[in-house]
Amino acid sequence: MHGDPVPDSYVYVTEEGVTRHYADGSVEALAWEDVVEVRVGGHRPADGDVFIVLLDSEGEGCVVPRSATDASFLTRLRYLPDFDLDQLSAAVEGAHDGYVVVWRSPDPPSSIPDLEYG
C-alpha cells in the first residue's frame, strides 16, 4: 500500500503553549508564559531543516522544526516582550550547526544553561 509516510513529529500551537509529538510517542511541551529564551540553529543533513528552540528557566523546552511553523506560531512569538521577527528570520536564513539566541526574557533566571553561541 502506498501513501504519504507518517511524519516523524507534529506540532500544535495554542494560546497556552507549544506541544511537539514525536512518532515514538514522546512529547515536548512548553507554556508561552514559561518561555525565557528562543534559539535558532541546526541544519540536519538528512533534510536541511532549521530548528526553533523554546526554553524555560530550567533549560527544558520544545524544539520546533521551521518546516512545522505557521502563521499562528510566528504571531504568538510576537507577544514575547520585544521579540524581533526580523532577527528570527535572519537567524533562520543564516542557521548553521550551532545555535544562536534570538530572544531572552528581559529578566531571565540565572539557571539557564549558558551555551556557546555562534
PDB file of N, CA and C in Angstrom:
ATOM      1  N   MET A   1       0.835  -1.174   0.000  1.00  0.00           N
ATOM      2  CA  MET A   1       0.000   0.000   0.000  1.00  0.00           C
ATOM      3  C   MET A   1       0.879   1.236   0.000  1.00  0.00           C
ATOM      4  N   HIS A   2       0.570   2.188  -0.855  1.00  0.00           N
ATOM      5  CA  HIS A   2       1.369   3.399  -0.953  1.00  0.00           C
ATOM      6  C   HIS A   2       0.591   4.560  -0.355  1.00  0.00           C
ATOM      7  N   GLY A   3       1.332   5.541   0.092  1.00  0.00           N
ATOM      8  CA  GLY A   3       0.702   6.724   0.655  1.00  0.00           C
ATOM      9  C   GLY A   3       1.754   7.609   1.262  1.00  0.00           C
ATOM     10  N   ASP A   4       1.313   8.673   1.850  1.00  0.00           N
ATOM     11  CA  ASP A   4       2.257   9.581   2.487  1.00  0.00           C
ATOM     12  C   ASP A   4       2.847   8.901   3.717  1.00  0.00           C
ATOM     13  N   PRO A   5       4.168   9.058   3.904  1.00  0.00           N
ATOM     14  CA  PRO A   5       4.769   8.484   5.107  1.00  0.00           C
ATOM     15  C   PRO A   5       4.273   9.220   6.352  1.00  0.00           C
ATOM     16  N   VAL A   6       4.274   8.521   7.462  1.00  0.00           N
ATOM     17  CA  VAL A   6       3.878   9.138   8.722  1.00  0.00           C
ATOM     18  C   VAL A   6       4.969  10.139   9.118  1.00  0.00           C
ATOM     19  N   PRO A   7       4.605  11.379   9.451  1.00  0.00           N
ATOM     20  CA  PRO A   7       5.636  12.348   9.829  1.00  0.00           C
ATOM     21  C   PRO A   7       6.335  11.915  11.115  1.00  0.00           C
ATOM     22  N   ASP A   8       7.625  12.302  11.243  1.00  0.00           N
ATOM     23  CA  ASP A   8       8.358  11.917  12.450  1.00  0.00           C
ATOM     24  C   ASP A   8       7.900  12.718  13.660  1.00  0.00           C
ATOM     25  N   SER A   9       7.215  13.818  13.432  1.00  0.00           N
ATOM     26  CA  SER A   9       6.659  14.596  14.539  1.00  0.00           C
ATOM     27  C   SER A   9       5.631  15.583  13.999  1.00  0.00           C
ATOM     28  N   TYR A  10       4.821  16.102  14.903  1.00  0.00           N
ATOM     29  CA  TYR A  10       3.917  17.177  14.534  1.00  0.00           C
ATOM     30  C   TYR A  10       3.818  18.139  15.709  1.00  0.00           C
ATOM     31  N   VAL A  11       3.467  19.385  15.412  1.00  0.00           N
ATOM     32  CA  VAL A  11       3.495  20.472  16.390  1.00  0.00           C
ATOM     33  C   VAL A  11       2.110  21.104  16.490  1.00  0.00           C
ATOM     34  N   TYR A  12       1.675  21.336  17.727  1.00  0.00           N
ATOM     35  CA  TYR A  12       0.441  22.075  17.991  1.00  0.00           C
ATOM     36  C   TYR A  12       0.806  23.392  18.659  1.00  0.00           C
ATOM     37  N   VAL A  13       0.227  24.480  18.168  1.00  0.00           N
ATOM     38  CA  VAL A  13       0.424  25.796  18.762  1.00  0.00           C
ATOM     39  C   VAL A  13      -0.937  26.285  19.219  1.00  0.00           C
ATOM     40  N   THR A  14      -1.020  26.666  20.497  1.00  0.00           N
ATOM     41  CA  THR A  14      -2.261  27.222  21.042  1.00  0.00           C
ATOM     42  C   THR A  14      -1.928  28.528  21.756  1.00  0.00           C
ATOM     43  N   GLU A  15      -2.935  29.185  22.254  1.00  0.00           N
ATOM     44  CA  GLU A  15      -2.720  30.399  23.053  1.00  0.00           C
ATOM     45  C   GLU A  15      -1.959  30.085  24.331  1.00  0.00           C
ATOM     46  N   GLU A  16      -2.061  28.836  24.808  1.00  0.00           N
ATOM     47  CA  GLU A  16      -1.412  28.449  26.057  1.00  0.00           C
ATOM     48  C   GLU A  16       0.042  28.044  25.876  1.00  0.00           C
ATOM     49  N   GLY A  17       0.380  27.450  24.724  1.00  0.00           N
ATOM     50  CA  GLY A  17       1.753  26.991  24.550  1.00  0.00           C
ATOM     51  C   GLY A  17       1.979  26.216  23.269  1.00  0.00           C
ATOM     52  N   VAL A  18       3.112  25.523  23.230  1.00  0.00           N
ATOM     53  CA  VAL A  18       3.524  24.734  22.064  1.00  0.00           C
ATOM     54  C   VAL A  18       3.750  23.300  22.520  1.00  0.00           C
ATOM     55  N   THR A  19       3.281  22.348  21.718  1.00  0.00           N
ATOM     56  CA  THR A  19       3.474  20.930  22.014  1.00  0.00           C
ATOM     57  C   THR A  19       3.960  20.236  20.754  1.00  0.00           C
ATOM     58  N   ARG A  20       5.025  19.433  20.900  1.00  0.00           N
ATOM     59  CA  ARG A  20       5.530  18.641  19.777  1.00  0.00           C
ATOM     60  C   ARG A  20       5.391  17.165  20.132  1.00  0.00           C
ATOM     61  N   HIS A  21       4.708  16.421  19.261  1.00  0.00           N
ATOM     62  CA  HIS A  21       4.516  14.982  19.421  1.00  0.00           C
ATOM     63  C   HIS A  21       5.449  14.269  18.452  1.00  0.00           C
ATOM     64  N   TYR A  22       6.235  13.318  18.971  1.00  0.00           N
ATOM     65  CA  TYR A  22       7.157  12.537  18.145  1.00  0.00           C
ATOM     66  C   TYR A  22       6.525  11.207  17.772  1.00  0.00           C
ATOM     67  N   ALA A  23       7.011  10.611  16.689  1.00  0.00           N
ATOM     68  CA  ALA A  23       6.484   9.328  16.207  1.00  0.00           C
ATOM     69  C   ALA A  23       6.623   8.225  17.251  1.00  0.00           C
ATOM     70  N   ASP A  24       7.637   8.321  18.129  1.00  0.00           N
ATOM     71  CA  ASP A  24       7.832   7.283  19.147  1.00  0.00           C
ATOM     72  C   ASP A  24       6.906   7.446  20.355  1.00  0.00           C
ATOM     73  N   GLY A  25       6.034   8.459  20.316  1.00  0.00           N
ATOM     74  CA  GLY A  25       5.089   8.679  21.400  1.00  0.00           C
ATOM     75  C   GLY A  25       5.532   9.700  22.430  1.00  0.00           C
ATOM     76  N   SER A  26       6.785  10.130  22.368  1.00  0.00           N
ATOM     77  CA  SER A  26       7.251  11.125  23.328  1.00  0.00           C
ATOM     78  C   SER A  26       6.693  12.508  22.960  1.00  0.00           C
ATOM     79  N   VAL A  27       6.634  13.375  23.963  1.00  0.00           N
ATOM     80  CA  VAL A  27       6.037  14.693  23.795  1.00  0.00           C
ATOM     81  C   VAL A  27       6.917  15.742  24.480  1.00  0.00           C
ATOM     82  N   GLU A  28       7.077  16.892  23.819  1.00  0.00           N
ATOM     83  CA  GLU A  28       7.695  18.071  24.435  1.00  0.00           C
ATOM     84  C   GLU A  28       6.619  19.149  24.452  1.00  0.00           C
ATOM     85  N   ALA A  29       6.499  19.839  25.560  1.00  0.00           N
ATOM     86  CA  ALA A  29       5.502  20.903  25.649  1.00  0.00           C
ATOM     87  C   ALA A  29       6.039  22.036  26.511  1.00  0.00           C
ATOM     88  N   LEU A  30       5.644  23.246  26.162  1.00  0.00           N
ATOM     89  CA  LEU A  30       6.071  24.410  26.933  1.00  0.00           C
ATOM     90  C   LEU A  30       4.986  25.474  26.847  1.00  0.00           C
ATOM     91  N   ALA A  31       4.595  26.004  28.010  1.00  0.00           N
ATOM     92  CA  ALA A  31       3.622  27.086  28.056  1.00  0.00           C
ATOM     93  C   ALA A  31       4.310  28.386  27.656  1.00  0.00           C
ATOM     94  N   TRP A  32       3.599  29.235  26.915  1.00  0.00           N
ATOM     95  CA  TRP A  32       4.181  30.512  26.484  1.00  0.00           C
ATOM     96  C   TRP A  32       4.666  31.331  27.672  1.00  0.00           C
ATOM     97  N   GLU A  33       3.929  31.299  28.776  1.00  0.00           N
ATOM     98  CA  GLU A  33       4.309  32.100  29.941  1.00  0.00           C
ATOM     99  C   GLU A  33       5.619  31.636  30.565  1.00  0.00           C
ATOM    100  N   ASP A  34       6.056  30.407  30.251  1.00  0.00           N
ATOM    101  CA  ASP A  34       7.299  29.870  30.796  1.00  0.00           C
ATOM    102  C   ASP A  34       8.507  30.074  29.882  1.00  0.00           C
ATOM    103  N   VAL A  35       8.277  30.555  28.657  1.00  0.00           N
ATOM    104  CA  VAL A  35       9.384  30.738  27.713  1.00  0.00           C
ATOM    105  C   VAL A  35      10.268  31.893  28.176  1.00  0.00           C
ATOM    106  N   VAL A  36      11.572  31.611  28.348  1.00  0.00           N
ATOM    107  CA  VAL A  36      12.526  32.653  28.735  1.00  0.00           C
ATOM    108  C   VAL A  36      13.633  32.830  27.693  1.00  0.00           C
ATOM    109  N   GLU A  37      13.690  31.926  26.698  1.00  0.00           N
ATOM    110  CA  GLU A  37      14.719  32.045  25.666  1.00  0.00           C
ATOM    111  C   GLU A  37      14.250  31.354  24.394  1.00  0.00           C
ATOM    112  N   VAL A  38      14.643  31.945  23.248  1.00  0.00           N
ATOM    113  CA  VAL A  38      14.373  31.365  21.935  1.00  0.00           C
ATOM    114  C   VAL A  38      15.701  31.279  21.195  1.00  0.00           C
ATOM    115  N   ARG A  39      16.007  30.079  20.686  1.00  0.00           N
ATOM    116  CA  ARG A  39      17.241  29.839  19.936  1.00  0.00           C
ATOM    117  C   ARG A  39      16.892  29.324  18.547  1.00  0.00           C
ATOM    118  N   VAL A  40      17.816  29.533  17.602  1.00  0.00           N
ATOM    119  CA  VAL A  40      17.642  29.037  16.237  1.00  0.00           C
ATOM    120  C   VAL A  40      18.930  28.361  15.818  1.00  0.00           C
ATOM    121  N   GLY A  41      18.816  27.273  15.066  1.00  0.00           N
ATOM    122  CA  GLY A  41      20.011  26.657  14.504  1.00  0.00           C
ATOM    123  C   GLY A  41      19.785  25.239  14.067  1.00  0.00           C
ATOM    124  N   GLY A  42      20.879  24.625  13.669  1.00  0.00           N
ATOM    125  CA  GLY A  42      20.933  23.207  13.409  1.00  0.00           C
ATOM    126  C   GLY A  42      20.378  22.671  12.115  1.00  0.00           C
ATOM    127  N   HIS A  43      21.110  22.772  11.026  1.00  0.00           N
ATOM    128  CA  HIS A  43      20.721  22.056   9.806  1.00  0.00           C
ATOM    129  C   HIS A  43      20.952  20.576  10.038  1.00  0.00           C
ATOM    130  N   ARG A  44      19.941  19.773   9.818  1.00  0.00           N
ATOM    131  CA  ARG A  44      20.133  18.324   9.841  1.00  0.00           C
ATOM    132  C   ARG A  44      20.516  17.900   8.436  1.00  0.00           C
ATOM    133  N   PRO A  45      21.574  17.125   8.292  1.00  0.00           N
ATOM    134  CA  PRO A  45      21.984  16.704   6.944  1.00  0.00           C
ATOM    135  C   PRO A  45      20.873  15.987   6.179  1.00  0.00           C
ATOM    136  N   ALA A  46      20.032  15.239   6.855  1.00  0.00           N
ATOM    137  CA  ALA A  46      19.004  14.454   6.177  1.00  0.00           C
ATOM    138  C   ALA A  46      17.990  15.328   5.439  1.00  0.00           C
ATOM    139  N   ASP A  47      17.561  16.421   6.060  1.00  0.00           N
ATOM    140  CA  ASP A  47      16.528  17.228   5.419  1.00  0.00           C
ATOM    141  C   ASP A  47      16.822  18.722   5.389  1.00  0.00           C
ATOM    142  N   GLY A  48      17.916  19.153   5.992  1.00  0.00           N
ATOM    143  CA  GLY A  48      18.287  20.558   5.950  1.00  0.00           C
ATOM    144  C   GLY A  48      17.383  21.467   6.760  1.00  0.00           C
ATOM    145  N   ASP A  49      16.530  20.901   7.626  1.00  0.00           N
ATOM    146  CA  ASP A  49      15.602  21.731   8.387  1.00  0.00           C
ATOM    147  C   ASP A  49      16.340  22.516   9.469  1.00  0.00           C
ATOM    148  N   VAL A  50      15.767  23.638   9.835  1.00  0.00           N
ATOM    149  CA  VAL A  50      16.275  24.503  10.889  1.00  0.00           C
ATOM    150  C   VAL A  50      15.310  24.390  12.059  1.00  0.00           C
ATOM    151  N   PHE A  51      15.834  24.518  13.270  1.00  0.00           N
ATOM    152  CA  PHE A  51      15.008  24.361  14.456  1.00  0.00           C
ATOM    153  C   PHE A  51      14.913  25.640  15.255  1.00  0.00           C
ATOM    154  N   ILE A  52      13.729  25.894  15.786  1.00  0.00           N
ATOM    155  CA  ILE A  52      13.492  26.991  16.712  1.00  0.00           C
ATOM    156  C   ILE A  52      13.257  26.326  18.062  1.00  0.00           C
ATOM    157  N   VAL A  53      14.101  26.664  19.036  1.00  0.00           N
ATOM    158  CA  VAL A  53      14.056  26.020  20.345  1.00  0.00           C
ATOM    159  C   VAL A  53      13.534  27.014  21.367  1.00  0.00           C
ATOM    160  N   LEU A  54      12.454  26.654  22.039  1.00  0.00           N
ATOM    161  CA  LEU A  54      11.888  27.461  23.115  1.00  0.00           C
ATOM    162  C   LEU A  54      12.325  26.827  24.426  1.00  0.00           C
ATOM    163  N   LEU A  55      12.873  27.631  25.335  1.00  0.00           N
ATOM    164  CA  LEU A  55      13.363  27.099  26.611  1.00  0.00           C
ATOM    165  C   LEU A  55      12.700  27.784  27.791  1.00  0.00           C
ATOM    166  N   ASP A  56      12.560  27.016  28.892  1.00  0.00           N
ATOM    167  CA  ASP A  56      12.077  27.600  30.145  1.00  0.00           C
ATOM    168  C   ASP A  56      13.260  27.865  31.062  1.00  0.00           C
ATOM    169  N   SER A  57      13.000  28.319  32.268  1.00  0.00           N
ATOM    170  CA  SER A  57      14.070  28.701  33.200  1.00  0.00           C
ATOM    171  C   SER A  57      14.904  27.522  33.681  1.00  0.00           C
ATOM    172  N   GLU A  58      14.402  26.302  33.498  1.00  0.00           N
ATOM    173  CA  GLU A  58      15.143  25.107  33.895  1.00  0.00           C
ATOM    174  C   GLU A  58      15.973  24.532  32.751  1.00  0.00           C
ATOM    175  N   GLY A  59      15.893  25.165  31.575  1.00  0.00           N
ATOM    176  CA  GLY A  59      16.607  24.657  30.412  1.00  0.00           C
ATOM    177  C   GLY A  59      15.829  23.590  29.657  1.00  0.00           C
ATOM    178  N   GLU A  60      14.607  23.302  30.099  1.00  0.00           N
ATOM    179  CA  GLU A  60      13.738  22.357  29.405  1.00  0.00           C
ATOM    180  C   GLU A  60      13.020  23.122  28.298  1.00  0.00           C
ATOM    181  N   GLY A  61      12.630  22.423  27.252  1.00  0.00           N
ATOM    182  CA  GLY A  61      11.973  23.173  26.205  1.00  0.00           C
ATOM    183  C   GLY A  61      11.260  22.345  25.182  1.00  0.00           C
ATOM    184  N   CYS A  62      10.992  23.002  24.081  1.00  0.00           N
ATOM    185  CA  CYS A  62      10.280  22.414  22.964  1.00  0.00           C
ATOM    186  C   CYS A  62      11.020  22.807  21.689  1.00  0.00           C
ATOM    187  N   VAL A  63      11.405  21.805  20.905  1.00  0.00           N
ATOM    188  CA  VAL A  63      12.138  22.024  19.661  1.00  0.00           C
ATOM    189  C   VAL A  63      11.138  21.988  18.509  1.00  0.00           C
ATOM    190  N   VAL A  64      11.054  23.099  17.776  1.00  0.00           N
ATOM    191  CA  VAL A  64      10.085  23.209  16.694  1.00  0.00           C
ATOM    192  C   VAL A  64      10.821  23.309  15.359  1.00  0.00           C
ATOM    193  N   PRO A  65      10.650  22.332  14.475  1.00  0.00           N
ATOM    194  CA  PRO A  65      11.263  22.443  13.144  1.00  0.00           C
ATOM    195  C   PRO A  65      10.652  23.627  12.391  1.00  0.00           C
ATOM    196  N   ARG A  66      11.481  24.383  11.680  1.00  0.00           N
ATOM    197  CA  ARG A  66      10.970  25.509  10.909  1.00  0.00           C
ATOM    198  C   ARG A  66       9.882  25.040   9.944  1.00  0.00           C
ATOM    199  N   SER A  67      10.031  23.842   9.421  1.00  0.00           N
ATOM    200  CA  SER A  67       9.038  23.314   8.484  1.00  0.00           C
ATOM    201  C   SER A  67       7.668  23.115   9.140  1.00  0.00           C
ATOM    202  N   ALA A  68       7.622  23.091  10.468  1.00  0.00           N
ATOM    203  CA  ALA A  68       6.355  22.911  11.185  1.00  0.00           C
ATOM    204  C   ALA A  68       5.779  24.225  11.688  1.00  0.00           C
ATOM    205  N   THR A  69       6.464  25.336  11.430  1.00  0.00           N
ATOM    206  CA  THR A  69       5.954  26.618  11.903  1.00  0.00           C
ATOM    207  C   THR A  69       4.892  27.133  10.942  1.00  0.00           C
ATOM    208  N   ASP A  70       3.987  27.915  11.479  1.00  0.00           N
ATOM    209  CA  ASP A  70       2.953  28.523  10.662  1.00  0.00           C
ATOM    210  C   ASP A  70       2.689  29.930  11.188  1.00  0.00           C
ATOM    211  N   ALA A  71       1.718  30.587  10.611  1.00  0.00           N
ATOM    212  CA  ALA A  71       1.423  31.967  10.998  1.00  0.00           C
ATOM    213  C   ALA A  71       1.052  32.081  12.473  1.00  0.00           C
ATOM    214  N   SER A  72       0.343  31.093  13.018  1.00  0.00           N
ATOM    215  CA  SER A  72      -0.058  31.182  14.429  1.00  0.00           C
ATOM    216  C   SER A  72       1.165  31.107  15.350  1.00  0.00           C
ATOM    217  N   PHE A  73       2.155  30.298  14.992  1.00  0.00           N
ATOM    218  CA  PHE A  73       3.385  30.204  15.787  1.00  0.00           C
ATOM    219  C   PHE A  73       4.126  31.536  15.752  1.00  0.00           C
ATOM    220  N   LEU A  74       4.315  32.102  14.561  1.00  0.00           N
ATOM    221  CA  LEU A  74       5.031  33.376  14.428  1.00  0.00           C
ATOM    222  C   LEU A  74       4.271  34.511  15.106  1.00  0.00           C
ATOM    223  N   THR A  75       2.949  34.499  14.980  1.00  0.00           N
ATOM    224  CA  THR A  75       2.142  35.527  15.639  1.00  0.00           C
ATOM    225  C   THR A  75       2.311  35.446  17.153  1.00  0.00           C
ATOM    226  N   ARG A  76       2.319  34.244  17.689  1.00  0.00           N
ATOM    227  CA  ARG A  76       2.437  34.076  19.141  1.00  0.00           C
ATOM    228  C   ARG A  76       3.814  34.495  19.632  1.00  0.00           C
ATOM    229  N   LEU A  77       4.866  34.238  18.847  1.00  0.00           N
ATOM    230  CA  LEU A  77       6.206  34.690  19.239  1.00  0.00           C
ATOM    231  C   LEU A  77       6.254  36.209  19.407  1.00  0.00           C
ATOM    232  N   ARG A  78       5.488  36.911  18.597  1.00  0.00           N
ATOM    233  CA  ARG A  78       5.486  38.383  18.664  1.00  0.00           C
ATOM    234  C   ARG A  78       4.972  38.906  19.997  1.00  0.00           C
ATOM    235  N   TYR A  79       4.257  38.079  20.752  1.00  0.00           N
ATOM    236  CA  TYR A  79       3.766  38.502  22.067  1.00  0.00           C
ATOM    237  C   TYR A  79       4.850  38.458  23.135  1.00  0.00           C
ATOM    238  N   LEU A  80       5.976  37.805  22.857  1.00  0.00           N
ATOM    239  CA  LEU A  80       7.084  37.825  23.812  1.00  0.00           C
ATOM    240  C   LEU A  80       7.629  39.254  23.851  1.00  0.00           C
ATOM    241  N   PRO A  81       7.948  39.785  25.028  1.00  0.00           N
ATOM    242  CA  PRO A  81       8.384  41.182  25.131  1.00  0.00           C
ATOM    243  C   PRO A  81       9.574  41.491  24.222  1.00  0.00           C
ATOM    244  N   ASP A  82       9.395  42.478  23.343  1.00  0.00           N
ATOM    245  CA  ASP A  82      10.452  42.951  22.440  1.00  0.00           C
ATOM    246  C   ASP A  82      10.966  41.888  21.481  1.00  0.00           C
ATOM    247  N   PHE A  83      10.152  40.880  21.169  1.00  0.00           N
ATOM    248  CA  PHE A  83      10.588  39.854  20.218  1.00  0.00           C
ATOM    249  C   PHE A  83      10.678  40.474  18.832  1.00  0.00           C
ATOM    250  N   ASP A  84      11.761  40.182  18.114  1.00  0.00           N
ATOM    251  CA  ASP A  84      12.030  40.762  16.805  1.00  0.00           C
ATOM    252  C   ASP A  84      11.943  39.666  15.733  1.00  0.00           C
ATOM    253  N   LEU A  85      10.850  39.672  14.954  1.00  0.00           N
ATOM    254  CA  LEU A  85      10.676  38.667  13.906  1.00  0.00           C
ATOM    255  C   LEU A  85      11.741  38.784  12.824  1.00  0.00           C
ATOM    256  N   ASP A  86      12.245  40.000  12.567  1.00  0.00           N
ATOM    257  CA  ASP A  86      13.307  40.176  11.575  1.00  0.00           C
ATOM    258  C   ASP A  86      14.586  39.472  12.034  1.00  0.00           C
ATOM    259  N   GLN A  87      14.880  39.568  13.324  1.00  0.00           N
ATOM    260  CA  GLN A  87      16.060  38.876  13.863  1.00  0.00           C
ATOM    261  C   GLN A  87      15.881  37.364  13.749  1.00  0.00           C
ATOM    262  N   LEU A  88      14.672  36.873  14.020  1.00  0.00           N
ATOM    263  CA  LEU A  88      14.386  35.452  13.868  1.00  0.00           C
ATOM    264  C   LEU A  88      14.588  35.020  12.414  1.00  0.00           C
ATOM    265  N   SER A  89      14.052  35.782  11.470  1.00  0.00           N
ATOM    266  CA  SER A  89      14.196  35.453  10.050  1.00  0.00           C
ATOM    267  C   SER A  89      15.659  35.412   9.628  1.00  0.00           C
ATOM    268  N   ALA A  90      16.436  36.390  10.075  1.00  0.00           N
ATOM    269  CA  ALA A  90      17.866  36.430   9.740  1.00  0.00           C
ATOM    270  C   ALA A  90      18.586  35.216  10.310  1.00  0.00           C
ATOM    271  N   ALA A  91      18.239  34.825  11.533  1.00  0.00           N
ATOM    272  CA  ALA A  91      18.875  33.666  12.166  1.00  0.00           C
ATOM    273  C   ALA A  91      18.504  32.374  11.435  1.00  0.00           C
ATOM    274  N   VAL A  92      17.251  32.268  11.002  1.00  0.00           N
ATOM    275  CA  VAL A  92      16.807  31.075  10.270  1.00  0.00           C
ATOM    276  C   VAL A  92      17.551  30.989   8.935  1.00  0.00           C
ATOM    277  N   GLU A  93      17.657  32.107   8.236  1.00  0.00           N
ATOM    278  CA  GLU A  93      18.342  32.118   6.936  1.00  0.00           C
ATOM    279  C   GLU A  93      19.827  31.798   7.073  1.00  0.00           C
ATOM    280  N   GLY A  94      20.451  32.228   8.175  1.00  0.00           N
ATOM    281  CA  GLY A  94      21.882  32.007   8.361  1.00  0.00           C
ATOM    282  C   GLY A  94      22.209  30.858   9.290  1.00  0.00           C
ATOM    283  N   ALA A  95      21.234  30.000   9.554  1.00  0.00           N
ATOM    284  CA  ALA A  95      21.423  28.909  10.522  1.00  0.00           C
ATOM    285  C   ALA A  95      22.551  27.971  10.098  1.00  0.00           C
ATOM    286  N   HIS A  96      23.229  27.461  11.099  1.00  0.00           N
ATOM    287  CA  HIS A  96      24.321  26.510  10.883  1.00  0.00           C
ATOM    288  C   HIS A  96      24.215  25.426  11.937  1.00  0.00           C
ATOM    289  N   ASP A  97      25.269  24.661  12.139  1.00  0.00           N
ATOM    290  CA  ASP A  97      25.212  23.533  13.065  1.00  0.00           C
ATOM    291  C   ASP A  97      25.007  23.948  14.520  1.00  0.00           C
ATOM    292  N   GLY A  98      25.449  25.132  14.904  1.00  0.00           N
ATOM    293  CA  GLY A  98      25.283  25.593  16.277  1.00  0.00           C
ATOM    294  C   GLY A  98      23.952  26.304  16.446  1.00  0.00           C
ATOM    295  N   TYR A  99      23.753  26.855  17.620  1.00  0.00           N
ATOM    296  CA  TYR A  99      22.526  27.589  17.905  1.00  0.00           C
ATOM    297  C   TYR A  99      22.835  29.043  18.218  1.00  0.00           C
ATOM    298  N   VAL A 100      21.918  29.924  17.850  1.00  0.00           N
ATOM    299  CA  VAL A 100      22.032  31.352  18.102  1.00  0.00           C
ATOM    300  C   VAL A 100      20.827  31.774  18.927  1.00  0.00           C
ATOM    301  N   VAL A 101      21.065  32.517  19.993  1.00  0.00           N
ATOM    302  CA  VAL A 101      19.970  33.041  20.802  1.00  0.00           C
ATOM    303  C   VAL A 101      19.389  34.253  20.078  1.00  0.00           C
ATOM    304  N   VAL A 102      18.086  34.215  19.806  1.00  0.00           N
ATOM    305  CA  VAL A 102      17.440  35.341  19.133  1.00  0.00           C
ATOM    306  C   VAL A 102      16.560  36.156  20.082  1.00  0.00           C
ATOM    307  N   TRP A 103      16.281  35.598  21.260  1.00  0.00           N
ATOM    308  CA  TRP A 103      15.492  36.338  22.253  1.00  0.00           C
ATOM    309  C   TRP A 103      15.716  35.747  23.625  1.00  0.00           C
ATOM    310  N   ARG A 104      15.798  36.632  24.604  1.00  0.00           N
ATOM    311  CA  ARG A 104      15.804  36.231  26.015  1.00  0.00           C
ATOM    312  C   ARG A 104      14.838  37.120  26.762  1.00  0.00           C
ATOM    313  N   SER A 105      14.214  36.537  27.751  1.00  0.00           N
ATOM    314  CA  SER A 105      13.332  37.312  28.608  1.00  0.00           C
ATOM    315  C   SER A 105      14.121  38.469  29.201  1.00  0.00           C
ATOM    316  N   PRO A 106      13.503  39.638  29.349  1.00  0.00           N
ATOM    317  CA  PRO A 106      14.227  40.777  29.915  1.00  0.00           C
ATOM    318  C   PRO A 106      14.853  40.479  31.279  1.00  0.00           C
ATOM    319  N   ASP A 107      14.256  39.594  32.055  1.00  0.00           N
ATOM    320  CA  ASP A 107      14.783  39.224  33.374  1.00  0.00           C
ATOM    321  C   ASP A 107      14.901  37.716  33.486  1.00  0.00           C
ATOM    322  N   PRO A 108      15.791  37.088  32.678  1.00  0.00           N
ATOM    323  CA  PRO A 108      15.867  35.632  32.734  1.00  0.00           C
ATOM    324  C   PRO A 108      16.445  35.141  34.052  1.00  0.00           C
ATOM    325  N   PRO A 109      15.925  34.041  34.564  1.00  0.00           N
ATOM    326  CA  PRO A 109      16.506  33.455  35.761  1.00  0.00           C
ATOM    327  C   PRO A 109      17.939  33.006  35.489  1.00  0.00           C
ATOM    328  N   SER A 110      18.760  32.980  36.498  1.00  0.00           N
ATOM    329  CA  SER A 110      20.156  32.639  36.328  1.00  0.00           C
ATOM    330  C   SER A 110      20.395  31.152  36.052  1.00  0.00           C
ATOM    331  N   SER A 111      19.352  30.323  36.147  1.00  0.00           N
ATOM    332  CA  SER A 111      19.540  28.903  35.980  1.00  0.00           C
ATOM    333  C   SER A 111      19.581  28.435  34.514  1.00  0.00           C
ATOM    334  N   ILE A 112      19.440  29.369  33.554  1.00  0.00           N
ATOM    335  CA  ILE A 112      19.514  28.969  32.151  1.00  0.00           C
ATOM    336  C   ILE A 112      20.933  28.538  31.837  1.00  0.00           C
ATOM    337  N   PRO A 113      21.109  27.341  31.283  1.00  0.00           N
ATOM    338  CA  PRO A 113      22.472  26.911  30.926  1.00  0.00           C
ATOM    339  C   PRO A 113      23.046  27.845  29.875  1.00  0.00           C
ATOM    340  N   ASP A 114      24.259  28.307  30.070  1.00  0.00           N
ATOM    341  CA  ASP A 114      24.883  29.227  29.139  1.00  0.00           C
ATOM    342  C   ASP A 114      25.718  28.430  28.140  1.00  0.00           C
ATOM    343  N   LEU A 115      25.186  28.269  26.933  1.00  0.00           N
ATOM    344  CA  LEU A 115      25.884  27.528  25.896  1.00  0.00           C
ATOM    345  C   LEU A 115      26.709  28.490  25.061  1.00  0.00           C
ATOM    346  N   GLU A 116      27.609  27.930  24.274  1.00  0.00           N
ATOM    347  CA  GLU A 116      28.352  28.757  23.339  1.00  0.00           C
ATOM    348  C   GLU A 116      27.425  29.144  22.211  1.00  0.00           C
ATOM    349  N   TYR A 117      27.400  30.415  21.873  1.00  0.00           N
ATOM    350  CA  TYR A 117      26.520  30.902  20.825  1.00  0.00           C
ATOM    351  C   TYR A 117      27.350  31.297  19.624  1.00  0.00           C
ATOM    352  N   GLY A 118      26.814  30.954  18.454  1.00  0.00           N
ATOM    353  CA  GLY A 118      27.537  31.212  17.215  1.00  0.00           C
ATOM    354  C   GLY A 118      27.229  32.534  16.618  1.00  0.00           C
TER     355      GLY A 118
END
